[in-house]
Amino acid sequence: MKPGFSGRLKKTNICPEKDLLGLIRMAKMSPALFVRQVRQEISRITWATRRETVTATITVLVMTFIAAAFLLFVDWIISGLVQFVLGLGS
């Protein structure tokens, strides 16, 4: 046993919203308060600039094309090998 370890773990309530009382409190929240909190959270978001969005989109499209070309090539090679091994390629 490790020094300072009693063998029993103390149950801690790290997230009080997960208990029943917290769930009941959250369920009783007024819709206006909810909308206000959502708007506050949205105002804190750091949105990507148009340039960052375009750059990320182009990067994803290029990488998708490269992955598709690679998989096409691998599929072509494996297909040729299988046909050769099974004697279907003659």
PDB file of N, CA and C in Angstrom:
ATOM      1  N   MET A   1       0.835  -1.172   0.000  1.00  0.00           N
ATOM      2  CA  MET A   1       0.000   0.000   0.000  1.00  0.00           C
ATOM      3  C   MET A   1       0.888   1.246   0.000  1.00  0.00           C
ATOM      4  N   LYS A   2       0.485   2.274  -0.730  1.00  0.00           N
ATOM      5  CA  LYS A   2       1.274   3.497  -0.810  1.00  0.00           C
ATOM      6  C   LYS A   2       1.198   4.269   0.500  1.00  0.00           C
ATOM      7  N   PRO A   3       2.287   4.976   0.850  1.00  0.00           N
ATOM      8  CA  PRO A   3       2.244   5.786   2.062  1.00  0.00           C
ATOM      9  C   PRO A   3       1.186   6.881   1.923  1.00  0.00           C
ATOM     10  N   GLY A   4       0.421   7.081   2.967  1.00  0.00           N
ATOM     11  CA  GLY A   4      -0.603   8.118   2.960  1.00  0.00           C
ATOM     12  C   GLY A   4      -1.897   7.690   2.307  1.00  0.00           C
ATOM     13  N   PHE A   5      -1.976   6.447   1.889  1.00  0.00           N
ATOM     14  CA  PHE A   5      -3.187   5.940   1.251  1.00  0.00           C
ATOM     15  C   PHE A   5      -3.893   5.025   2.227  1.00  0.00           C
ATOM     16  N   SER A   6      -5.079   5.399   2.639  1.00  0.00           N
ATOM     17  CA  SER A   6      -5.776   4.631   3.670  1.00  0.00           C
ATOM     18  C   SER A   6      -6.525   3.435   3.108  1.00  0.00           C
ATOM     19  N   GLY A   7      -6.613   3.324   1.802  1.00  0.00           N
ATOM     20  CA  GLY A   7      -7.326   2.199   1.214  1.00  0.00           C
ATOM     21  C   GLY A   7      -8.769   2.522   0.883  1.00  0.00           C
ATOM     22  N   ARG A   8      -9.295   3.592   1.424  1.00  0.00           N
ATOM     23  CA  ARG A   8     -10.668   4.001   1.127  1.00  0.00           C
ATOM     24  C   ARG A   8     -10.620   5.363   0.467  1.00  0.00           C
ATOM     25  N   LEU A   9     -11.376   5.504  -0.572  1.00  0.00           N
ATOM     26  CA  LEU A   9     -11.428   6.784  -1.261  1.00  0.00           C
ATOM     27  C   LEU A   9     -12.618   7.575  -0.762  1.00  0.00           C
ATOM     28  N   LYS A  10     -12.389   8.835  -0.489  1.00  0.00           N
ATOM     29  CA  LYS A  10     -13.464   9.706  -0.041  1.00  0.00           C
ATOM     30  C   LYS A  10     -14.278  10.123  -1.262  1.00  0.00           C
ATOM     31  N   LYS A  11     -15.577   9.982  -1.166  1.00  0.00           N
ATOM     32  CA  LYS A  11     -16.442  10.371  -2.271  1.00  0.00           C
ATOM     33  C   LYS A  11     -16.571  11.889  -2.263  1.00  0.00           C
ATOM     34  N   THR A  12     -16.155  12.503  -3.347  1.00  0.00           N
ATOM     35  CA  THR A  12     -16.271  13.952  -3.453  1.00  0.00           C
ATOM     36  C   THR A  12     -17.262  14.277  -4.544  1.00  0.00           C
ATOM     37  N   ASN A  13     -17.984  15.321  -4.339  1.00  0.00           N
ATOM     38  CA  ASN A  13     -18.959  15.769  -5.322  1.00  0.00           C
ATOM     39  C   ASN A  13     -18.319  16.890  -6.125  1.00  0.00           C
ATOM     40  N   ILE A  14     -17.585  16.525  -7.168  1.00  0.00           N
ATOM     41  CA  ILE A  14     -16.849  17.496  -7.958  1.00  0.00           C
ATOM     42  C   ILE A  14     -17.797  18.383  -8.755  1.00  0.00           C
ATOM     43  N   CYS A  15     -18.824  17.797  -9.301  1.00  0.00           N
ATOM     44  CA  CYS A  15     -19.760  18.531 -10.139  1.00  0.00           C
ATOM     45  C   CYS A  15     -21.135  18.523  -9.468  1.00  0.00           C
ATOM     46  N   PRO A  16     -21.498  19.591  -8.747  1.00  0.00           N
ATOM     47  CA  PRO A  16     -22.763  19.567  -8.018  1.00  0.00           C
ATOM     48  C   PRO A  16     -23.983  19.504  -8.921  1.00  0.00           C
ATOM     49  N   GLU A  17     -23.851  19.871 -10.207  1.00  0.00           N
ATOM     50  CA  GLU A  17     -24.996  19.812 -11.111  1.00  0.00           C
ATOM     51  C   GLU A  17     -25.432  18.382 -11.384  1.00  0.00           C
ATOM     52  N   LYS A  18     -24.590  17.422 -11.095  1.00  0.00           N
ATOM     53  CA  LYS A  18     -24.930  16.034 -11.393  1.00  0.00           C
ATOM     54  C   LYS A  18     -25.775  15.393 -10.305  1.00  0.00           C
ATOM     55  N   ASP A  19     -25.909  16.050  -9.161  1.00  0.00           N
ATOM     56  CA  ASP A  19     -26.759  15.465  -8.132  1.00  0.00           C
ATOM     57  C   ASP A  19     -28.219  15.809  -8.422  1.00  0.00           C
ATOM     58  N   LEU A  20     -29.127  15.181  -7.727  1.00  0.00           N
ATOM     59  CA  LEU A  20     -30.555  15.337  -7.992  1.00  0.00           C
ATOM     60  C   LEU A  20     -31.017  16.764  -7.764  1.00  0.00           C
ATOM     61  N   LEU A  21     -30.533  17.397  -6.700  1.00  0.00           N
ATOM     62  CA  LEU A  21     -30.937  18.767  -6.410  1.00  0.00           C
ATOM     63  C   LEU A  21     -30.484  19.716  -7.517  1.00  0.00           C
ATOM     64  N   GLY A  22     -29.275  19.492  -8.012  1.00  0.00           N
ATOM     65  CA  GLY A  22     -28.778  20.321  -9.111  1.00  0.00           C
ATOM     66  C   GLY A  22     -29.605  20.148 -10.365  1.00  0.00           C
ATOM     67  N   LEU A  23     -30.023  18.923 -10.646  1.00  0.00           N
ATOM     68  CA  LEU A  23     -30.863  18.680 -11.818  1.00  0.00           C
ATOM     69  C   LEU A  23     -32.218  19.354 -11.675  1.00  0.00           C
ATOM     70  N   ILE A  24     -32.782  19.311 -10.475  1.00  0.00           N
ATOM     71  CA  ILE A  24     -34.075  19.963 -10.250  1.00  0.00           C
ATOM     72  C   ILE A  24     -33.937  21.471 -10.413  1.00  0.00           C
ATOM     73  N   ARG A  25     -32.842  22.036  -9.874  1.00  0.00           N
ATOM     74  CA  ARG A  25     -32.613  23.473 -10.022  1.00  0.00           C
ATOM     75  C   ARG A  25     -32.479  23.863 -11.487  1.00  0.00           C
ATOM     76  N   MET A  26     -31.766  23.047 -12.260  1.00  0.00           N
ATOM     77  CA  MET A  26     -31.592  23.350 -13.679  1.00  0.00           C
ATOM     78  C   MET A  26     -32.913  23.243 -14.424  1.00  0.00           C
ATOM     79  N   ALA A  27     -33.773  22.309 -14.038  1.00  0.00           N
ATOM     80  CA  ALA A  27     -35.050  22.129 -14.712  1.00  0.00           C
ATOM     81  C   ALA A  27     -35.994  23.286 -14.431  1.00  0.00           C
ATOM     82  N   LYS A  28     -35.827  23.963 -13.302  1.00  0.00           N
ATOM     83  CA  LYS A  28     -36.713  25.064 -12.942  1.00  0.00           C
ATOM     84  C   LYS A  28     -36.244  26.402 -13.504  1.00  0.00           C
ATOM     85  N   MET A  29     -35.173  26.425 -14.281  1.00  0.00           N
ATOM     86  CA  MET A  29     -34.640  27.663 -14.818  1.00  0.00           C
ATOM     87  C   MET A  29     -35.646  28.278 -15.792  1.00  0.00           C
ATOM     88  N   SER A  30     -35.820  29.573 -15.710  1.00  0.00           N
ATOM     89  CA  SER A  30     -36.767  30.228 -16.606  1.00  0.00           C
ATOM     90  C   SER A  30     -36.184  30.283 -18.015  1.00  0.00           C
ATOM     91  N   PRO A  31     -37.044  30.228 -19.023  1.00  0.00           N
ATOM     92  CA  PRO A  31     -36.557  30.302 -20.406  1.00  0.00           C
ATOM     93  C   PRO A  31     -35.818  31.605 -20.696  1.00  0.00           C
ATOM     94  N   ALA A  32     -36.268  32.707 -20.102  1.00  0.00           N
ATOM     95  CA  ALA A  32     -35.602  33.989 -20.332  1.00  0.00           C
ATOM     96  C   ALA A  32     -34.181  33.965 -19.776  1.00  0.00           C
ATOM     97  N   LEU A  33     -34.005  33.379 -18.591  1.00  0.00           N
ATOM     98  CA  LEU A  33     -32.671  33.264 -17.998  1.00  0.00           C
ATOM     99  C   LEU A  33     -31.785  32.375 -18.859  1.00  0.00           C
ATOM    100  N   PHE A  34     -32.347  31.287 -19.359  1.00  0.00           N
ATOM    101  CA  PHE A  34     -31.587  30.381 -20.221  1.00  0.00           C
ATOM    102  C   PHE A  34     -31.100  31.109 -21.470  1.00  0.00           C
ATOM    103  N   VAL A  35     -32.000  31.856 -22.125  1.00  0.00           N
ATOM    104  CA  VAL A  35     -31.631  32.591 -23.345  1.00  0.00           C
ATOM    105  C   VAL A  35     -30.560  33.624 -23.025  1.00  0.00           C
ATOM    106  N   ARG A  36     -30.686  34.316 -21.891  1.00  0.00           N
ATOM    107  CA  ARG A  36     -29.699  35.310 -21.498  1.00  0.00           C
ATOM    108  C   ARG A  36     -28.326  34.666 -21.297  1.00  0.00           C
ATOM    109  N   GLN A  37     -28.305  33.498 -20.646  1.00  0.00           N
ATOM    110  CA  GLN A  37     -27.035  32.805 -20.416  1.00  0.00           C
ATOM    111  C   GLN A  37     -26.429  32.301 -21.722  1.00  0.00           C
ATOM    112  N   VAL A  38     -27.270  31.835 -22.628  1.00  0.00           N
ATOM    113  CA  VAL A  38     -26.770  31.380 -23.928  1.00  0.00           C
ATOM    114  C   VAL A  38     -26.156  32.546 -24.685  1.00  0.00           C
ATOM    115  N   ARG A  39     -26.809  33.700 -24.673  1.00  0.00           N
ATOM    116  CA  ARG A  39     -26.273  34.873 -25.374  1.00  0.00           C
ATOM    117  C   ARG A  39     -24.946  35.316 -24.764  1.00  0.00           C
ATOM    118  N   GLN A  40     -24.822  35.229 -23.432  1.00  0.00           N
ATOM    119  CA  GLN A  40     -23.560  35.576 -22.780  1.00  0.00           C
ATOM    120  C   GLN A  40     -22.449  34.624 -23.210  1.00  0.00           C
ATOM    121  N   GLU A  41     -22.755  33.335 -23.262  1.00  0.00           N
ATOM    122  CA  GLU A  41     -21.751  32.352 -23.674  1.00  0.00           C
ATOM    123  C   GLU A  41     -21.341  32.563 -25.125  1.00  0.00           C
ATOM    124  N   ILE A  42     -22.313  32.853 -25.989  1.00  0.00           N
ATOM    125  CA  ILE A  42     -21.999  33.075 -27.403  1.00  0.00           C
ATOM    126  C   ILE A  42     -21.118  34.305 -27.570  1.00  0.00           C
ATOM    127  N   SER A  43     -21.339  35.333 -26.749  1.00  0.00           N
ATOM    128  CA  SER A  43     -20.520  36.543 -26.868  1.00  0.00           C
ATOM    129  C   SER A  43     -19.074  36.289 -26.447  1.00  0.00           C
ATOM    130  N   ARG A  44     -18.824  35.250 -25.661  1.00  0.00           N
ATOM    131  CA  ARG A  44     -17.463  34.930 -25.213  1.00  0.00           C
ATOM    132  C   ARG A  44     -16.680  34.101 -26.224  1.00  0.00           C
ATOM    133  N   ILE A  45     -17.358  33.579 -27.225  1.00  0.00           N
ATOM    134  CA  ILE A  45     -16.701  32.711 -28.202  1.00  0.00           C
ATOM    135  C   ILE A  45     -15.786  33.537 -29.092  1.00  0.00           C
ATOM    136  N   THR A  46     -14.604  33.018 -29.349  1.00  0.00           N
ATOM    137  CA  THR A  46     -13.699  33.646 -30.301  1.00  0.00           C
ATOM    138  C   THR A  46     -13.938  32.985 -31.650  1.00  0.00           C
ATOM    139  N   TRP A  47     -14.630  33.692 -32.519  1.00  0.00           N
ATOM    140  CA  TRP A  47     -14.994  33.135 -33.812  1.00  0.00           C
ATOM    141  C   TRP A  47     -13.807  33.216 -34.764  1.00  0.00           C
ATOM    142  N   ALA A  48     -13.710  32.252 -35.658  1.00  0.00           N
ATOM    143  CA  ALA A  48     -12.643  32.241 -36.665  1.00  0.00           C
ATOM    144  C   ALA A  48     -12.919  33.335 -37.693  1.00  0.00           C
ATOM    145  N   THR A  49     -11.834  33.904 -38.210  1.00  0.00           N
ATOM    146  CA  THR A  49     -11.998  34.913 -39.254  1.00  0.00           C
ATOM    147  C   THR A  49     -12.347  34.223 -40.567  1.00  0.00           C
ATOM    148  N   ARG A  50     -12.786  35.011 -41.531  1.00  0.00           N
ATOM    149  CA  ARG A  50     -13.135  34.448 -42.836  1.00  0.00           C
ATOM    150  C   ARG A  50     -11.911  33.788 -43.467  1.00  0.00           C
ATOM    151  N   ARG A  51     -10.762  34.434 -43.339  1.00  0.00           N
ATOM    152  CA  ARG A  51      -9.535  33.885 -43.923  1.00  0.00           C
ATOM    153  C   ARG A  51      -9.176  32.542 -43.281  1.00  0.00           C
ATOM    154  N   GLU A  52      -9.293  32.437 -41.953  1.00  0.00           N
ATOM    155  CA  GLU A  52      -9.003  31.181 -41.262  1.00  0.00           C
ATOM    156  C   GLU A  52      -9.968  30.080 -41.699  1.00  0.00           C
ATOM    157  N   THR A  53     -11.234  30.443 -41.870  1.00  0.00           N
ATOM    158  CA  THR A  53     -12.233  29.462 -42.294  1.00  0.00           C
ATOM    159  C   THR A  53     -11.944  28.962 -43.702  1.00  0.00           C
ATOM    160  N   VAL A  54     -11.608  29.876 -44.605  1.00  0.00           N
ATOM    161  CA  VAL A  54     -11.295  29.482 -45.985  1.00  0.00           C
ATOM    162  C   VAL A  54     -10.042  28.611 -46.011  1.00  0.00           C
ATOM    163  N   THR A  55      -9.021  28.993 -45.251  1.00  0.00           N
ATOM    164  CA  THR A  55      -7.781  28.212 -45.207  1.00  0.00           C
ATOM    165  C   THR A  55      -8.040  26.807 -44.669  1.00  0.00           C
ATOM    166  N   ALA A  56      -8.814  26.707 -43.604  1.00  0.00           N
ATOM    167  CA  ALA A  56      -9.118  25.394 -43.029  1.00  0.00           C
ATOM    168  C   ALA A  56      -9.931  24.550 -44.003  1.00  0.00           C
ATOM    169  N   THR A  57     -10.886  25.164 -44.699  1.00  0.00           N
ATOM    170  CA  THR A  57     -11.712  24.433 -45.664  1.00  0.00           C
ATOM    171  C   THR A  57     -10.867  23.905 -46.812  1.00  0.00           C
ATOM    172  N   ILE A  58      -9.991  24.739 -47.339  1.00  0.00           N
ATOM    173  CA  ILE A  58      -9.124  24.312 -48.444  1.00  0.00           C
ATOM    174  C   ILE A  58      -8.198  23.189 -47.978  1.00  0.00           C
ATOM    175  N   THR A  59      -7.661  23.308 -46.773  1.00  0.00           N
ATOM    176  CA  THR A  59      -6.786  22.267 -46.230  1.00  0.00           C
ATOM    177  C   THR A  59      -7.523  20.937 -46.124  1.00  0.00           C
ATOM    178  N   VAL A  60      -8.757  20.980 -45.627  1.00  0.00           N
ATOM    179  CA  VAL A  60      -9.543  19.749 -45.500  1.00  0.00           C
ATOM    180  C   VAL A  60      -9.818  19.147 -46.872  1.00  0.00           C
ATOM    181  N   LEU A  61     -10.175  19.966 -47.843  1.00  0.00           N
ATOM    182  CA  LEU A  61     -10.464  19.448 -49.183  1.00  0.00           C
ATOM    183  C   LEU A  61      -9.223  18.835 -49.828  1.00  0.00           C
ATOM    184  N   VAL A  62      -8.071  19.496 -49.696  1.00  0.00           N
ATOM    185  CA  VAL A  62      -6.828  18.975 -50.272  1.00  0.00           C
ATOM    186  C   VAL A  62      -6.442  17.658 -49.602  1.00  0.00           C
ATOM    187  N   MET A  63      -6.518  17.601 -48.272  1.00  0.00           N
ATOM    188  CA  MET A  63      -6.163  16.369 -47.568  1.00  0.00           C
ATOM    189  C   MET A  63      -7.134  15.240 -47.900  1.00  0.00           C
ATOM    190  N   THR A  64      -8.403  15.566 -48.097  1.00  0.00           N
ATOM    191  CA  THR A  64      -9.381  14.555 -48.496  1.00  0.00           C
ATOM    192  C   THR A  64      -9.051  14.011 -49.877  1.00  0.00           C
ATOM    193  N   PHE A  65      -8.676  14.886 -50.793  1.00  0.00           N
ATOM    194  CA  PHE A  65      -8.292  14.451 -52.136  1.00  0.00           C
ATOM    195  C   PHE A  65      -7.046  13.569 -52.083  1.00  0.00           C
ATOM    196  N   ILE A  66      -6.063  13.958 -51.280  1.00  0.00           N
ATOM    197  CA  ILE A  66      -4.835  13.159 -51.158  1.00  0.00           C
ATOM    198  C   ILE A  66      -5.148  11.783 -50.570  1.00  0.00           C
ATOM    199  N   ALA A  67      -5.983  11.740 -49.535  1.00  0.00           N
ATOM    200  CA  ALA A  67      -6.351  10.458 -48.925  1.00  0.00           C
ATOM    201  C   ALA A  67      -7.115   9.589 -49.916  1.00  0.00           C
ATOM    202  N   ALA A  68      -8.023  10.195 -50.693  1.00  0.00           N
ATOM    203  CA  ALA A  68      -8.788   9.430 -51.682  1.00  0.00           C
ATOM    204  C   ALA A  68      -7.868   8.873 -52.762  1.00  0.00           C
ATOM    205  N   ALA A  69      -6.916   9.686 -53.234  1.00  0.00           N
ATOM    206  CA  ALA A  69      -5.979   9.220 -54.254  1.00  0.00           C
ATOM    207  C   ALA A  69      -5.107   8.086 -53.708  1.00  0.00           C
ATOM    208  N   PHE A  70      -4.647   8.216 -52.472  1.00  0.00           N
ATOM    209  CA  PHE A  70      -3.838   7.173 -51.854  1.00  0.00           C
ATOM    210  C   PHE A  70      -4.624   5.873 -51.737  1.00  0.00           C
ATOM    211  N   LEU A  71      -5.858   5.957 -51.257  1.00  0.00           N
ATOM    212  CA  LEU A  71      -6.676   4.752 -51.107  1.00  0.00           C
ATOM    213  C   LEU A  71      -7.010   4.133 -52.464  1.00  0.00           C
ATOM    214  N   LEU A  72      -7.216   4.960 -53.479  1.00  0.00           N
ATOM    215  CA  LEU A  72      -7.454   4.445 -54.831  1.00  0.00           C
ATOM    216  C   LEU A  72      -6.234   3.666 -55.318  1.00  0.00           C
ATOM    217  N   PHE A  73      -5.045   4.224 -55.094  1.00  0.00           N
ATOM    218  CA  PHE A  73      -3.811   3.566 -55.508  1.00  0.00           C
ATOM    219  C   PHE A  73      -3.613   2.246 -54.757  1.00  0.00           C
ATOM    220  N   VAL A  74      -3.814   2.255 -53.441  1.00  0.00           N
ATOM    221  CA  VAL A  74      -3.659   1.037 -52.640  1.00  0.00           C
ATOM    222  C   VAL A  74      -4.671  -0.015 -53.076  1.00  0.00           C
ATOM    223  N   ASP A  75      -5.907   0.400 -53.323  1.00  0.00           N
ATOM    224  CA  ASP A  75      -6.940  -0.530 -53.775  1.00  0.00           C
ATOM    225  C   ASP A  75      -6.563  -1.134 -55.124  1.00  0.00           C
ATOM    226  N   TRP A  76      -6.027  -0.317 -56.013  1.00  0.00           N
ATOM    227  CA  TRP A  76      -5.618  -0.790 -57.335  1.00  0.00           C
ATOM    228  C   TRP A  76      -4.502  -1.830 -57.206  1.00  0.00           C
ATOM    229  N   ILE A  77      -3.511  -1.563 -56.342  1.00  0.00           N
ATOM    230  CA  ILE A  77      -2.397  -2.494 -56.126  1.00  0.00           C
ATOM    231  C   ILE A  77      -2.906  -3.803 -55.518  1.00  0.00           C
ATOM    232  N   ILE A  78      -3.713  -3.720 -54.471  1.00  0.00           N
ATOM    233  CA  ILE A  78      -4.218  -4.931 -53.815  1.00  0.00           C
ATOM    234  C   ILE A  78      -5.095  -5.732 -54.768  1.00  0.00           C
ATOM    235  N   SER A  79      -5.906  -5.053 -55.554  1.00  0.00           N
ATOM    236  CA  SER A  79      -6.757  -5.744 -56.526  1.00  0.00           C
ATOM    237  C   SER A  79      -5.905  -6.497 -57.545  1.00  0.00           C
ATOM    238  N   GLY A  80      -4.843  -5.858 -58.022  1.00  0.00           N
ATOM    239  CA  GLY A  80      -3.943  -6.515 -58.966  1.00  0.00           C
ATOM    240  C   GLY A  80      -3.250  -7.719 -58.353  1.00  0.00           C
ATOM    241  N   LEU A  81      -2.818  -7.587 -57.099  1.00  0.00           N
ATOM    242  CA  LEU A  81      -2.170  -8.709 -56.422  1.00  0.00           C
ATOM    243  C   LEU A  81      -3.128  -9.879 -56.218  1.00  0.00           C
ATOM    244  N   VAL A  82      -4.354  -9.593 -55.824  1.00  0.00           N
ATOM    245  CA  VAL A  82      -5.336 -10.658 -55.610  1.00  0.00           C
ATOM    246  C   VAL A  82      -5.640 -11.366 -56.925  1.00  0.00           C
ATOM    247  N   GLN A  83      -5.804 -10.594 -57.997  1.00  0.00           N
ATOM    248  CA  GLN A  83      -6.072 -11.215 -59.297  1.00  0.00           C
ATOM    249  C   GLN A  83      -4.892 -12.066 -59.752  1.00  0.00           C
ATOM    250  N   PHE A  84      -3.667 -11.596 -59.503  1.00  0.00           N
ATOM    251  CA  PHE A  84      -2.481 -12.361 -59.880  1.00  0.00           C
ATOM    252  C   PHE A  84      -2.396 -13.661 -59.082  1.00  0.00           C
ATOM    253  N   VAL A  85      -2.621 -13.581 -57.767  1.00  0.00           N
ATOM    254  CA  VAL A  85      -2.522 -14.761 -56.908  1.00  0.00           C
ATOM    255  C   VAL A  85      -3.594 -15.783 -57.264  1.00  0.00           C
ATOM    256  N   LEU A  86      -4.783 -15.341 -57.537  1.00  0.00           N
ATOM    257  CA  LEU A  86      -5.876 -16.260 -57.851  1.00  0.00           C
ATOM    258  C   LEU A  86      -5.878 -16.707 -59.313  1.00  0.00           C
ATOM    259  N   GLY A  87      -4.976 -16.172 -60.105  1.00  0.00           N
ATOM    260  CA  GLY A  87      -4.883 -16.575 -61.502  1.00  0.00           C
ATOM    261  C   GLY A  87      -5.966 -15.985 -62.384  1.00  0.00           C
ATOM    262  N   LEU A  88      -6.581 -14.921 -61.914  1.00  0.00           N
ATOM    263  CA  LEU A  88      -7.642 -14.307 -62.706  1.00  0.00           C
ATOM    264  C   LEU A  88      -7.107 -13.247 -63.654  1.00  0.00           C
ATOM    265  N   GLY A  89      -5.850 -12.906 -63.509  1.00  0.00           N
ATOM    266  CA  GLY A  89      -5.281 -11.827 -64.296  1.00  0.00           C
ATOM    267  C   GLY A  89      -4.666 -12.254 -65.611  1.00  0.00           C
ATOM    268  N   SER A  90      -4.775 -13.509 -65.982  1.00  0.00           N
ATOM    269  CA  SER A  90      -4.156 -13.964 -67.226  1.00  0.00           C
ATOM    270  C   SER A  90      -5.113 -13.760 -68.326  1.00  0.00           C
TER     271      SER A  90
END
